[in-house]
Protein backbone atom coordinates (compact mmCIF):
# COMPACT_ATOMS: atom_id res chain seq x y z
CA UNK A 1 0.00 0.00 0.00
CA UNK A 2 2.95 2.36 0.42
CA UNK A 3 2.96 3.51 -3.24
CA UNK A 4 -0.78 4.20 -3.04
CA UNK A 5 -0.45 6.23 0.16
CA UNK A 6 2.51 8.13 -1.25
CA UNK A 7 0.50 8.87 -4.37
CA UNK A 8 -2.47 10.08 -2.33
CA UNK A 9 -0.22 12.44 -0.40
CA UNK A 10 1.28 13.75 -3.64
CA UNK A 11 -2.20 14.30 -5.05
CA UNK A 12 -3.26 16.28 -1.99
CA UNK A 13 -0.07 18.33 -1.87
CA UNK A 14 0.70 18.95 -5.55
CA UNK A 15 -2.11 17.99 -7.92
CA UNK A 16 -5.26 19.04 -6.05
CA UNK A 17 -4.15 22.64 -5.45
CA UNK A 18 -3.58 23.11 -9.17
CA UNK A 19 -7.05 21.78 -9.98
CA UNK A 20 -8.93 23.13 -6.97
CA UNK A 21 -11.28 25.27 -9.08
CA UNK A 22 -12.33 22.21 -11.09
CA UNK A 23 -12.98 20.14 -7.98
CA UNK A 24 -14.91 23.00 -6.41
CA UNK A 25 -17.21 23.03 -9.44
CA UNK A 26 -17.56 19.23 -9.24
CA UNK A 27 -18.20 19.16 -5.50
CA UNK A 28 -21.98 19.21 -5.86
CA UNK A 29 -22.68 18.09 -9.42
CA UNK A 30 -21.44 16.18 -12.44
CA UNK A 31 -22.28 16.35 -16.13
CA UNK A 32 -20.26 13.73 -18.01
CA UNK A 33 -20.91 13.58 -21.73
CA UNK A 34 -20.22 9.87 -22.15
CA UNK A 35 -20.54 6.50 -20.45
CA UNK A 36 -17.42 4.39 -20.94
CA UNK A 37 -17.80 0.64 -20.41
CA UNK A 38 -14.50 -1.16 -20.28
CA UNK A 39 -12.54 -3.95 -18.62
CA UNK A 40 -11.23 -3.97 -15.07
CA UNK A 41 -7.79 -4.77 -16.49
CA UNK A 42 -5.18 -2.61 -14.75
CA UNK A 43 -3.61 -1.67 -18.09
CA UNK A 44 -6.75 0.02 -19.39
CA UNK A 45 -7.30 3.51 -17.97
CA UNK A 46 -10.28 5.24 -19.64
CA UNK A 47 -9.41 8.79 -18.60
CA UNK A 48 -5.82 8.32 -19.73
CA UNK A 49 -6.49 6.87 -23.16
CA UNK A 50 -9.22 9.45 -23.87
CA UNK A 51 -7.36 12.30 -22.11
CA UNK A 52 -10.41 13.38 -20.10
CA UNK A 53 -10.59 15.32 -16.85
CA UNK A 54 -12.50 14.39 -13.68
CA UNK A 55 -16.20 14.87 -14.32
CA UNK A 56 -15.97 14.23 -18.07
CA UNK A 57 -16.71 10.51 -18.24
CA UNK A 58 -18.94 8.09 -16.31
CA UNK A 59 -17.18 4.73 -16.12
CA UNK A 60 -18.28 1.11 -15.72
CA UNK A 61 -15.46 -1.41 -15.35
CA UNK A 62 -15.79 -5.16 -15.02
CA UNK A 63 -14.23 -8.39 -16.24
CA UNK A 64 -14.61 -8.47 -20.01
CA UNK A 65 -16.34 -5.05 -20.46
CA UNK A 66 -19.67 -6.83 -20.26
CA UNK A 67 -23.18 -5.35 -20.28
CA UNK A 68 -25.73 -8.03 -19.38
CA UNK A 69 -28.99 -7.92 -21.30
CA UNK A 70 -31.79 -6.14 -19.47
CA UNK A 71 -33.80 -8.39 -17.16
CA UNK A 72 -36.34 -8.22 -14.34
CA UNK A 73 -33.49 -8.61 -11.86
CA UNK A 74 -31.11 -5.79 -12.79
CA UNK A 75 -27.65 -5.58 -11.28
CA UNK A 76 -25.05 -2.89 -10.84
CA UNK A 77 -24.20 -2.55 -14.53
CA UNK A 78 -27.87 -2.16 -15.48
CA UNK A 79 -28.41 0.43 -12.75
CA UNK A 80 -25.34 2.38 -13.86
CA UNK A 81 -26.45 2.37 -17.51
CA UNK A 82 -29.91 3.55 -16.54
CA UNK A 83 -28.53 6.30 -14.30
CA UNK A 84 -26.05 7.49 -16.93
CA UNK A 85 -28.71 7.78 -19.64
CA UNK A 86 -31.78 8.84 -17.66
CA UNK A 87 -30.26 11.06 -14.98
CA UNK A 88 -26.90 12.24 -16.28
CA UNK A 89 -28.09 12.47 -19.87
CA UNK A 90 -24.97 11.11 -21.52
CA UNK A 91 -25.05 11.43 -25.30
CA UNK A 92 -22.57 8.68 -26.06
CA UNK A 93 -21.83 5.20 -24.75
CA UNK A 94 -18.53 3.49 -25.55
CA UNK A 95 -17.98 -0.24 -25.08
CA UNK A 96 -14.22 -0.69 -25.14
CA UNK A 97 -12.48 -4.04 -25.34
CA UNK A 98 -8.71 -4.43 -25.36
CA UNK A 99 -5.87 -6.64 -26.51
CA UNK A 100 -4.67 -9.52 -24.33
CA UNK A 101 -7.95 -9.58 -22.40
CA UNK A 102 -7.87 -12.32 -19.77
CA UNK A 103 -11.63 -12.82 -19.81
CA UNK A 104 -11.81 -13.20 -23.58
CA UNK A 105 -8.73 -15.43 -23.57
CA UNK A 106 -10.41 -17.78 -21.09
CA UNK A 107 -13.51 -18.00 -23.29
CA UNK A 108 -11.63 -18.46 -26.56
CA UNK A 109 -9.34 -21.13 -25.11
CA UNK A 110 -12.12 -22.95 -23.23
CA UNK A 111 -10.24 -22.53 -19.97
CA UNK A 112 -11.67 -24.54 -17.11
CA UNK A 113 -13.22 -22.10 -14.63
CA UNK A 114 -14.66 -24.62 -12.16
CA UNK A 115 -12.55 -23.06 -9.41
CA UNK A 116 -13.94 -19.61 -10.30
CA UNK A 117 -17.72 -20.13 -10.35
CA UNK A 118 -18.55 -16.43 -10.12
CA UNK A 119 -16.27 -15.64 -13.05
CA UNK A 120 -17.69 -18.51 -15.10
CA UNK A 121 -21.24 -17.31 -14.46
CA UNK A 122 -20.37 -13.72 -15.34
CA UNK A 123 -18.66 -14.66 -18.61
CA UNK A 124 -21.78 -16.46 -19.80
CA UNK A 125 -22.96 -12.95 -20.69
CA UNK A 126 -20.52 -13.27 -23.59
CA UNK A 127 -22.04 -16.51 -24.93
CA UNK A 128 -23.36 -14.80 -28.07
CA UNK A 129 -19.89 -13.56 -28.91
CA UNK A 130 -18.45 -16.99 -28.19
CA UNK A 131 -20.92 -18.66 -30.56
CA UNK A 132 -20.06 -16.23 -33.36
CA UNK A 133 -16.33 -16.59 -32.78
CA UNK A 134 -16.47 -20.38 -32.66
CA UNK A 135 -18.22 -20.41 -36.04
CA UNK A 136 -15.20 -18.80 -37.69
CA UNK A 137 -11.87 -20.33 -38.68
CA UNK A 138 -8.79 -18.84 -37.03
CA UNK A 139 -5.22 -19.28 -38.24
CA UNK A 140 -3.68 -19.27 -34.76
CA UNK A 141 -4.82 -19.44 -31.12
CA UNK A 142 -3.78 -15.80 -30.77
CA UNK A 143 -5.95 -14.82 -33.72
CA UNK A 144 -8.89 -16.63 -32.13
CA UNK A 145 -8.46 -14.67 -28.90
CA UNK A 146 -8.15 -11.39 -30.79
CA UNK A 147 -11.28 -12.17 -32.79
CA UNK A 148 -13.12 -12.95 -29.56
CA UNK A 149 -12.29 -9.49 -28.22
CA UNK A 150 -13.93 -7.88 -31.26
CA UNK A 151 -16.92 -10.22 -31.27
CA UNK A 152 -17.52 -9.45 -27.61
CA UNK A 153 -17.67 -5.70 -28.21
CA UNK A 154 -20.32 -6.27 -30.88
CA UNK A 155 -22.28 -8.59 -28.58
CA UNK A 156 -22.21 -6.19 -25.65
CA UNK A 157 -23.45 -3.35 -27.86
CA UNK A 158 -26.36 -5.60 -28.80
CA UNK A 159 -27.00 -6.25 -25.10
CA UNK A 160 -26.98 -2.50 -24.45
CA UNK A 161 -29.82 -2.02 -26.91
CA UNK A 162 -32.07 -4.22 -24.77
CA UNK A 163 -31.99 -1.67 -21.95
CA UNK A 164 -35.15 0.48 -22.03
CA UNK A 165 -33.32 3.74 -21.32
CA UNK A 166 -30.87 3.06 -24.15
CA UNK A 167 -33.54 1.91 -26.59
CA UNK A 168 -35.59 5.05 -25.99
CA UNK A 169 -32.62 7.41 -26.25
CA UNK A 170 -31.59 5.76 -29.53
CA UNK A 171 -35.17 6.01 -30.84
CA UNK A 172 -35.16 9.73 -30.04
CA UNK A 173 -31.70 10.25 -31.58
CA UNK A 174 -30.36 11.44 -28.24
CA UNK A 175 -27.68 8.79 -27.93
CA UNK A 176 -24.91 7.25 -30.03
CA UNK A 177 -23.19 3.92 -29.40
CA UNK A 178 -19.51 3.27 -30.02
CA UNK A 179 -17.56 0.02 -30.08
CA UNK A 180 -13.82 0.31 -29.54
CA UNK A 181 -10.92 -2.11 -29.22
CA UNK A 182 -7.80 -0.66 -27.63
CA UNK A 183 -4.38 -2.15 -28.42
CA UNK A 184 -2.21 -1.90 -25.31
CA UNK A 185 1.15 -2.18 -27.06
CA UNK A 186 0.58 0.37 -29.84
CA UNK A 187 -2.01 2.63 -28.20
CA UNK A 188 -4.16 2.32 -31.32
CA UNK A 189 -7.94 2.10 -31.23
CA UNK A 190 -10.19 0.34 -33.71
CA UNK A 191 -13.81 1.53 -33.87
CA UNK A 192 -16.89 -0.32 -35.11
CA UNK A 193 -18.45 1.19 -38.22
CA UNK A 194 -22.08 0.25 -37.68
CA UNK A 195 -23.08 0.87 -41.28
CA UNK A 196 -20.46 -1.43 -42.77
CA UNK A 197 -20.12 -3.87 -39.88
CA UNK A 198 -16.32 -3.60 -39.74
CA UNK A 199 -13.75 -2.16 -37.37
CA UNK A 200 -11.66 0.72 -38.69
CA UNK A 201 -8.86 2.87 -37.32
CA UNK A 202 -10.31 5.59 -35.10
CA UNK A 203 -7.36 7.81 -36.03
CA UNK A 204 -8.29 7.55 -39.71
CA UNK A 205 -12.06 7.68 -39.20
CA UNK A 206 -12.69 9.74 -36.03
CA UNK A 207 -16.42 10.17 -36.76
CA UNK A 208 -17.05 6.42 -36.75
CA UNK A 209 -20.06 5.27 -34.73
CA UNK A 210 -21.56 1.85 -34.08
CA UNK A 211 -25.12 3.17 -34.14
CA UNK A 212 -26.87 5.21 -36.80
CA UNK A 213 -29.85 7.55 -36.36
CA UNK A 214 -32.88 5.42 -35.57
CA UNK A 215 -35.57 5.57 -38.29
CA UNK A 216 -38.96 6.68 -37.05
CA UNK A 217 -41.37 3.75 -37.15
CA UNK A 218 -44.79 4.41 -38.64
CA UNK A 219 -47.84 2.21 -38.70
CA UNK A 220 -48.90 0.98 -42.12
C-alpha atoms as a PDB file:
ATOM      1  CA  UNK A   1       0.000   0.000   0.000  1.00  0.00           C
ATOM      2  CA  UNK A   2       2.952   2.361   0.418  1.00  0.00           C
ATOM      3  CA  UNK A   3       2.962   3.506  -3.243  1.00  0.00           C
ATOM      4  CA  UNK A   4      -0.784   4.205  -3.038  1.00  0.00           C
ATOM      5  CA  UNK A   5      -0.455   6.227   0.158  1.00  0.00           C
ATOM      6  CA  UNK A   6       2.509   8.127  -1.254  1.00  0.00           C
ATOM      7  CA  UNK A   7       0.499   8.867  -4.375  1.00  0.00           C
ATOM      8  CA  UNK A   8      -2.466  10.075  -2.328  1.00  0.00           C
ATOM      9  CA  UNK A   9      -0.222  12.439  -0.402  1.00  0.00           C
ATOM     10  CA  UNK A  10       1.284  13.750  -3.640  1.00  0.00           C
ATOM     11  CA  UNK A  11      -2.202  14.301  -5.049  1.00  0.00           C
ATOM     12  CA  UNK A  12      -3.265  16.276  -1.992  1.00  0.00           C
ATOM     13  CA  UNK A  13      -0.067  18.329  -1.871  1.00  0.00           C
ATOM     14  CA  UNK A  14       0.703  18.946  -5.552  1.00  0.00           C
ATOM     15  CA  UNK A  15      -2.112  17.988  -7.915  1.00  0.00           C
ATOM     16  CA  UNK A  16      -5.260  19.037  -6.052  1.00  0.00           C
ATOM     17  CA  UNK A  17      -4.147  22.643  -5.448  1.00  0.00           C
ATOM     18  CA  UNK A  18      -3.582  23.114  -9.175  1.00  0.00           C
ATOM     19  CA  UNK A  19      -7.050  21.778  -9.975  1.00  0.00           C
ATOM     20  CA  UNK A  20      -8.932  23.134  -6.972  1.00  0.00           C
ATOM     21  CA  UNK A  21     -11.283  25.271  -9.076  1.00  0.00           C
ATOM     22  CA  UNK A  22     -12.334  22.208 -11.088  1.00  0.00           C
ATOM     23  CA  UNK A  23     -12.983  20.138  -7.983  1.00  0.00           C
ATOM     24  CA  UNK A  24     -14.914  23.002  -6.413  1.00  0.00           C
ATOM     25  CA  UNK A  25     -17.212  23.026  -9.439  1.00  0.00           C
ATOM     26  CA  UNK A  26     -17.559  19.235  -9.242  1.00  0.00           C
ATOM     27  CA  UNK A  27     -18.199  19.160  -5.497  1.00  0.00           C
ATOM     28  CA  UNK A  28     -21.982  19.212  -5.863  1.00  0.00           C
ATOM     29  CA  UNK A  29     -22.682  18.095  -9.419  1.00  0.00           C
ATOM     30  CA  UNK A  30     -21.435  16.178 -12.442  1.00  0.00           C
ATOM     31  CA  UNK A  31     -22.282  16.348 -16.133  1.00  0.00           C
ATOM     32  CA  UNK A  32     -20.263  13.728 -18.009  1.00  0.00           C
ATOM     33  CA  UNK A  33     -20.910  13.580 -21.731  1.00  0.00           C
ATOM     34  CA  UNK A  34     -20.216   9.865 -22.148  1.00  0.00           C
ATOM     35  CA  UNK A  35     -20.540   6.503 -20.450  1.00  0.00           C
ATOM     36  CA  UNK A  36     -17.415   4.390 -20.940  1.00  0.00           C
ATOM     37  CA  UNK A  37     -17.800   0.638 -20.406  1.00  0.00           C
ATOM     38  CA  UNK A  38     -14.495  -1.164 -20.279  1.00  0.00           C
ATOM     39  CA  UNK A  39     -12.542  -3.952 -18.621  1.00  0.00           C
ATOM     40  CA  UNK A  40     -11.225  -3.967 -15.068  1.00  0.00           C
ATOM     41  CA  UNK A  41      -7.787  -4.774 -16.494  1.00  0.00           C
ATOM     42  CA  UNK A  42      -5.181  -2.605 -14.755  1.00  0.00           C
ATOM     43  CA  UNK A  43      -3.614  -1.672 -18.092  1.00  0.00           C
ATOM     44  CA  UNK A  44      -6.746   0.024 -19.391  1.00  0.00           C
ATOM     45  CA  UNK A  45      -7.302   3.513 -17.974  1.00  0.00           C
ATOM     46  CA  UNK A  46     -10.283   5.243 -19.643  1.00  0.00           C
ATOM     47  CA  UNK A  47      -9.412   8.786 -18.598  1.00  0.00           C
ATOM     48  CA  UNK A  48      -5.820   8.317 -19.729  1.00  0.00           C
ATOM     49  CA  UNK A  49      -6.495   6.869 -23.155  1.00  0.00           C
ATOM     50  CA  UNK A  50      -9.216   9.454 -23.868  1.00  0.00           C
ATOM     51  CA  UNK A  51      -7.364  12.304 -22.110  1.00  0.00           C
ATOM     52  CA  UNK A  52     -10.405  13.385 -20.101  1.00  0.00           C
ATOM     53  CA  UNK A  53     -10.591  15.321 -16.853  1.00  0.00           C
ATOM     54  CA  UNK A  54     -12.496  14.394 -13.675  1.00  0.00           C
ATOM     55  CA  UNK A  55     -16.199  14.865 -14.324  1.00  0.00           C
ATOM     56  CA  UNK A  56     -15.970  14.234 -18.069  1.00  0.00           C
ATOM     57  CA  UNK A  57     -16.706  10.514 -18.237  1.00  0.00           C
ATOM     58  CA  UNK A  58     -18.942   8.088 -16.310  1.00  0.00           C
ATOM     59  CA  UNK A  59     -17.178   4.726 -16.120  1.00  0.00           C
ATOM     60  CA  UNK A  60     -18.278   1.114 -15.721  1.00  0.00           C
ATOM     61  CA  UNK A  61     -15.464  -1.407 -15.352  1.00  0.00           C
ATOM     62  CA  UNK A  62     -15.789  -5.162 -15.018  1.00  0.00           C
ATOM     63  CA  UNK A  63     -14.226  -8.391 -16.236  1.00  0.00           C
ATOM     64  CA  UNK A  64     -14.608  -8.467 -20.014  1.00  0.00           C
ATOM     65  CA  UNK A  65     -16.337  -5.053 -20.463  1.00  0.00           C
ATOM     66  CA  UNK A  66     -19.668  -6.826 -20.261  1.00  0.00           C
ATOM     67  CA  UNK A  67     -23.176  -5.352 -20.281  1.00  0.00           C
ATOM     68  CA  UNK A  68     -25.729  -8.026 -19.378  1.00  0.00           C
ATOM     69  CA  UNK A  69     -28.985  -7.919 -21.305  1.00  0.00           C
ATOM     70  CA  UNK A  70     -31.789  -6.141 -19.469  1.00  0.00           C
ATOM     71  CA  UNK A  71     -33.798  -8.391 -17.155  1.00  0.00           C
ATOM     72  CA  UNK A  72     -36.340  -8.219 -14.339  1.00  0.00           C
ATOM     73  CA  UNK A  73     -33.485  -8.611 -11.864  1.00  0.00           C
ATOM     74  CA  UNK A  74     -31.112  -5.792 -12.787  1.00  0.00           C
ATOM     75  CA  UNK A  75     -27.651  -5.575 -11.276  1.00  0.00           C
ATOM     76  CA  UNK A  76     -25.047  -2.893 -10.841  1.00  0.00           C
ATOM     77  CA  UNK A  77     -24.202  -2.546 -14.528  1.00  0.00           C
ATOM     78  CA  UNK A  78     -27.865  -2.162 -15.480  1.00  0.00           C
ATOM     79  CA  UNK A  79     -28.408   0.426 -12.750  1.00  0.00           C
ATOM     80  CA  UNK A  80     -25.342   2.376 -13.859  1.00  0.00           C
ATOM     81  CA  UNK A  81     -26.445   2.370 -17.507  1.00  0.00           C
ATOM     82  CA  UNK A  82     -29.910   3.554 -16.537  1.00  0.00           C
ATOM     83  CA  UNK A  83     -28.533   6.300 -14.303  1.00  0.00           C
ATOM     84  CA  UNK A  84     -26.052   7.494 -16.932  1.00  0.00           C
ATOM     85  CA  UNK A  85     -28.714   7.776 -19.636  1.00  0.00           C
ATOM     86  CA  UNK A  86     -31.781   8.844 -17.664  1.00  0.00           C
ATOM     87  CA  UNK A  87     -30.256  11.057 -14.980  1.00  0.00           C
ATOM     88  CA  UNK A  88     -26.902  12.245 -16.277  1.00  0.00           C
ATOM     89  CA  UNK A  89     -28.095  12.469 -19.866  1.00  0.00           C
ATOM     90  CA  UNK A  90     -24.966  11.113 -21.523  1.00  0.00           C
ATOM     91  CA  UNK A  91     -25.054  11.432 -25.299  1.00  0.00           C
ATOM     92  CA  UNK A  92     -22.565   8.683 -26.062  1.00  0.00           C
ATOM     93  CA  UNK A  93     -21.827   5.200 -24.753  1.00  0.00           C
ATOM     94  CA  UNK A  94     -18.531   3.489 -25.549  1.00  0.00           C
ATOM     95  CA  UNK A  95     -17.980  -0.239 -25.084  1.00  0.00           C
ATOM     96  CA  UNK A  96     -14.219  -0.693 -25.141  1.00  0.00           C
ATOM     97  CA  UNK A  97     -12.485  -4.041 -25.336  1.00  0.00           C
ATOM     98  CA  UNK A  98      -8.714  -4.432 -25.358  1.00  0.00           C
ATOM     99  CA  UNK A  99      -5.868  -6.636 -26.515  1.00  0.00           C
ATOM    100  CA  UNK A 100      -4.665  -9.517 -24.330  1.00  0.00           C
ATOM    101  CA  UNK A 101      -7.947  -9.583 -22.401  1.00  0.00           C
ATOM    102  CA  UNK A 102      -7.871 -12.319 -19.766  1.00  0.00           C
ATOM    103  CA  UNK A 103     -11.634 -12.820 -19.813  1.00  0.00           C
ATOM    104  CA  UNK A 104     -11.812 -13.204 -23.584  1.00  0.00           C
ATOM    105  CA  UNK A 105      -8.726 -15.432 -23.569  1.00  0.00           C
ATOM    106  CA  UNK A 106     -10.409 -17.777 -21.086  1.00  0.00           C
ATOM    107  CA  UNK A 107     -13.505 -18.000 -23.288  1.00  0.00           C
ATOM    108  CA  UNK A 108     -11.635 -18.464 -26.556  1.00  0.00           C
ATOM    109  CA  UNK A 109      -9.342 -21.133 -25.112  1.00  0.00           C
ATOM    110  CA  UNK A 110     -12.124 -22.954 -23.233  1.00  0.00           C
ATOM    111  CA  UNK A 111     -10.240 -22.526 -19.975  1.00  0.00           C
ATOM    112  CA  UNK A 112     -11.674 -24.543 -17.107  1.00  0.00           C
ATOM    113  CA  UNK A 113     -13.216 -22.105 -14.627  1.00  0.00           C
ATOM    114  CA  UNK A 114     -14.662 -24.624 -12.164  1.00  0.00           C
ATOM    115  CA  UNK A 115     -12.549 -23.060  -9.410  1.00  0.00           C
ATOM    116  CA  UNK A 116     -13.945 -19.613 -10.299  1.00  0.00           C
ATOM    117  CA  UNK A 117     -17.722 -20.132 -10.355  1.00  0.00           C
ATOM    118  CA  UNK A 118     -18.547 -16.426 -10.121  1.00  0.00           C
ATOM    119  CA  UNK A 119     -16.267 -15.636 -13.051  1.00  0.00           C
ATOM    120  CA  UNK A 120     -17.695 -18.509 -15.100  1.00  0.00           C
ATOM    121  CA  UNK A 121     -21.244 -17.306 -14.463  1.00  0.00           C
ATOM    122  CA  UNK A 122     -20.369 -13.724 -15.340  1.00  0.00           C
ATOM    123  CA  UNK A 123     -18.665 -14.658 -18.606  1.00  0.00           C
ATOM    124  CA  UNK A 124     -21.781 -16.459 -19.805  1.00  0.00           C
ATOM    125  CA  UNK A 125     -22.960 -12.955 -20.690  1.00  0.00           C
ATOM    126  CA  UNK A 126     -20.522 -13.267 -23.591  1.00  0.00           C
ATOM    127  CA  UNK A 127     -22.039 -16.512 -24.930  1.00  0.00           C
ATOM    128  CA  UNK A 128     -23.358 -14.805 -28.074  1.00  0.00           C
ATOM    129  CA  UNK A 129     -19.889 -13.556 -28.915  1.00  0.00           C
ATOM    130  CA  UNK A 130     -18.446 -16.989 -28.185  1.00  0.00           C
ATOM    131  CA  UNK A 131     -20.917 -18.657 -30.557  1.00  0.00           C
ATOM    132  CA  UNK A 132     -20.056 -16.233 -33.358  1.00  0.00           C
ATOM    133  CA  UNK A 133     -16.333 -16.587 -32.779  1.00  0.00           C
ATOM    134  CA  UNK A 134     -16.465 -20.383 -32.657  1.00  0.00           C
ATOM    135  CA  UNK A 135     -18.222 -20.411 -36.037  1.00  0.00           C
ATOM    136  CA  UNK A 136     -15.199 -18.800 -37.691  1.00  0.00           C
ATOM    137  CA  UNK A 137     -11.871 -20.325 -38.680  1.00  0.00           C
ATOM    138  CA  UNK A 138      -8.787 -18.840 -37.034  1.00  0.00           C
ATOM    139  CA  UNK A 139      -5.217 -19.275 -38.236  1.00  0.00           C
ATOM    140  CA  UNK A 140      -3.682 -19.270 -34.756  1.00  0.00           C
ATOM    141  CA  UNK A 141      -4.819 -19.444 -31.123  1.00  0.00           C
ATOM    142  CA  UNK A 142      -3.782 -15.803 -30.773  1.00  0.00           C
ATOM    143  CA  UNK A 143      -5.950 -14.820 -33.715  1.00  0.00           C
ATOM    144  CA  UNK A 144      -8.892 -16.632 -32.125  1.00  0.00           C
ATOM    145  CA  UNK A 145      -8.464 -14.672 -28.899  1.00  0.00           C
ATOM    146  CA  UNK A 146      -8.153 -11.390 -30.789  1.00  0.00           C
ATOM    147  CA  UNK A 147     -11.280 -12.166 -32.786  1.00  0.00           C
ATOM    148  CA  UNK A 148     -13.122 -12.950 -29.558  1.00  0.00           C
ATOM    149  CA  UNK A 149     -12.292  -9.488 -28.222  1.00  0.00           C
ATOM    150  CA  UNK A 150     -13.929  -7.877 -31.262  1.00  0.00           C
ATOM    151  CA  UNK A 151     -16.919 -10.215 -31.272  1.00  0.00           C
ATOM    152  CA  UNK A 152     -17.523  -9.448 -27.614  1.00  0.00           C
ATOM    153  CA  UNK A 153     -17.667  -5.698 -28.214  1.00  0.00           C
ATOM    154  CA  UNK A 154     -20.318  -6.273 -30.881  1.00  0.00           C
ATOM    155  CA  UNK A 155     -22.284  -8.589 -28.585  1.00  0.00           C
ATOM    156  CA  UNK A 156     -22.214  -6.188 -25.649  1.00  0.00           C
ATOM    157  CA  UNK A 157     -23.452  -3.352 -27.858  1.00  0.00           C
ATOM    158  CA  UNK A 158     -26.359  -5.599 -28.795  1.00  0.00           C
ATOM    159  CA  UNK A 159     -27.004  -6.247 -25.103  1.00  0.00           C
ATOM    160  CA  UNK A 160     -26.984  -2.498 -24.454  1.00  0.00           C
ATOM    161  CA  UNK A 161     -29.819  -2.017 -26.913  1.00  0.00           C
ATOM    162  CA  UNK A 162     -32.071  -4.218 -24.767  1.00  0.00           C
ATOM    163  CA  UNK A 163     -31.991  -1.669 -21.948  1.00  0.00           C
ATOM    164  CA  UNK A 164     -35.149   0.479 -22.029  1.00  0.00           C
ATOM    165  CA  UNK A 165     -33.318   3.736 -21.324  1.00  0.00           C
ATOM    166  CA  UNK A 166     -30.870   3.065 -24.146  1.00  0.00           C
ATOM    167  CA  UNK A 167     -33.544   1.906 -26.590  1.00  0.00           C
ATOM    168  CA  UNK A 168     -35.593   5.051 -25.986  1.00  0.00           C
ATOM    169  CA  UNK A 169     -32.624   7.405 -26.254  1.00  0.00           C
ATOM    170  CA  UNK A 170     -31.593   5.760 -29.535  1.00  0.00           C
ATOM    171  CA  UNK A 171     -35.172   6.012 -30.839  1.00  0.00           C
ATOM    172  CA  UNK A 172     -35.155   9.726 -30.040  1.00  0.00           C
ATOM    173  CA  UNK A 173     -31.701  10.248 -31.581  1.00  0.00           C
ATOM    174  CA  UNK A 174     -30.362  11.445 -28.239  1.00  0.00           C
ATOM    175  CA  UNK A 175     -27.683   8.785 -27.934  1.00  0.00           C
ATOM    176  CA  UNK A 176     -24.907   7.250 -30.025  1.00  0.00           C
ATOM    177  CA  UNK A 177     -23.193   3.918 -29.396  1.00  0.00           C
ATOM    178  CA  UNK A 178     -19.511   3.273 -30.020  1.00  0.00           C
ATOM    179  CA  UNK A 179     -17.561   0.020 -30.078  1.00  0.00           C
ATOM    180  CA  UNK A 180     -13.819   0.315 -29.542  1.00  0.00           C
ATOM    181  CA  UNK A 181     -10.917  -2.115 -29.223  1.00  0.00           C
ATOM    182  CA  UNK A 182      -7.797  -0.662 -27.633  1.00  0.00           C
ATOM    183  CA  UNK A 183      -4.380  -2.146 -28.417  1.00  0.00           C
ATOM    184  CA  UNK A 184      -2.211  -1.897 -25.310  1.00  0.00           C
ATOM    185  CA  UNK A 185       1.146  -2.183 -27.064  1.00  0.00           C
ATOM    186  CA  UNK A 186       0.576   0.373 -29.844  1.00  0.00           C
ATOM    187  CA  UNK A 187      -2.006   2.628 -28.201  1.00  0.00           C
ATOM    188  CA  UNK A 188      -4.159   2.316 -31.316  1.00  0.00           C
ATOM    189  CA  UNK A 189      -7.940   2.104 -31.225  1.00  0.00           C
ATOM    190  CA  UNK A 190     -10.194   0.335 -33.710  1.00  0.00           C
ATOM    191  CA  UNK A 191     -13.813   1.526 -33.866  1.00  0.00           C
ATOM    192  CA  UNK A 192     -16.887  -0.316 -35.109  1.00  0.00           C
ATOM    193  CA  UNK A 193     -18.452   1.186 -38.224  1.00  0.00           C
ATOM    194  CA  UNK A 194     -22.080   0.255 -37.677  1.00  0.00           C
ATOM    195  CA  UNK A 195     -23.080   0.867 -41.279  1.00  0.00           C
ATOM    196  CA  UNK A 196     -20.455  -1.427 -42.772  1.00  0.00           C
ATOM    197  CA  UNK A 197     -20.116  -3.873 -39.884  1.00  0.00           C
ATOM    198  CA  UNK A 198     -16.324  -3.595 -39.741  1.00  0.00           C
ATOM    199  CA  UNK A 199     -13.750  -2.161 -37.368  1.00  0.00           C
ATOM    200  CA  UNK A 200     -11.662   0.720 -38.695  1.00  0.00           C
ATOM    201  CA  UNK A 201      -8.863   2.870 -37.321  1.00  0.00           C
ATOM    202  CA  UNK A 202     -10.315   5.590 -35.104  1.00  0.00           C
ATOM    203  CA  UNK A 203      -7.364   7.808 -36.026  1.00  0.00           C
ATOM    204  CA  UNK A 204      -8.287   7.548 -39.712  1.00  0.00           C
ATOM    205  CA  UNK A 205     -12.057   7.681 -39.197  1.00  0.00           C
ATOM    206  CA  UNK A 206     -12.687   9.737 -36.034  1.00  0.00           C
ATOM    207  CA  UNK A 207     -16.417  10.170 -36.760  1.00  0.00           C
ATOM    208  CA  UNK A 208     -17.051   6.415 -36.746  1.00  0.00           C
ATOM    209  CA  UNK A 209     -20.064   5.266 -34.729  1.00  0.00           C
ATOM    210  CA  UNK A 210     -21.555   1.846 -34.080  1.00  0.00           C
ATOM    211  CA  UNK A 211     -25.123   3.171 -34.142  1.00  0.00           C
ATOM    212  CA  UNK A 212     -26.868   5.206 -36.802  1.00  0.00           C
ATOM    213  CA  UNK A 213     -29.850   7.551 -36.365  1.00  0.00           C
ATOM    214  CA  UNK A 214     -32.881   5.424 -35.565  1.00  0.00           C
ATOM    215  CA  UNK A 215     -35.570   5.573 -38.286  1.00  0.00           C
ATOM    216  CA  UNK A 216     -38.957   6.678 -37.052  1.00  0.00           C
ATOM    217  CA  UNK A 217     -41.368   3.751 -37.146  1.00  0.00           C
ATOM    218  CA  UNK A 218     -44.787   4.409 -38.640  1.00  0.00           C
ATOM    219  CA  UNK A 219     -47.838   2.213 -38.696  1.00  0.00           C
ATOM    220  CA  UNK A 220     -48.904   0.978 -42.118  1.00  0.00           C
END
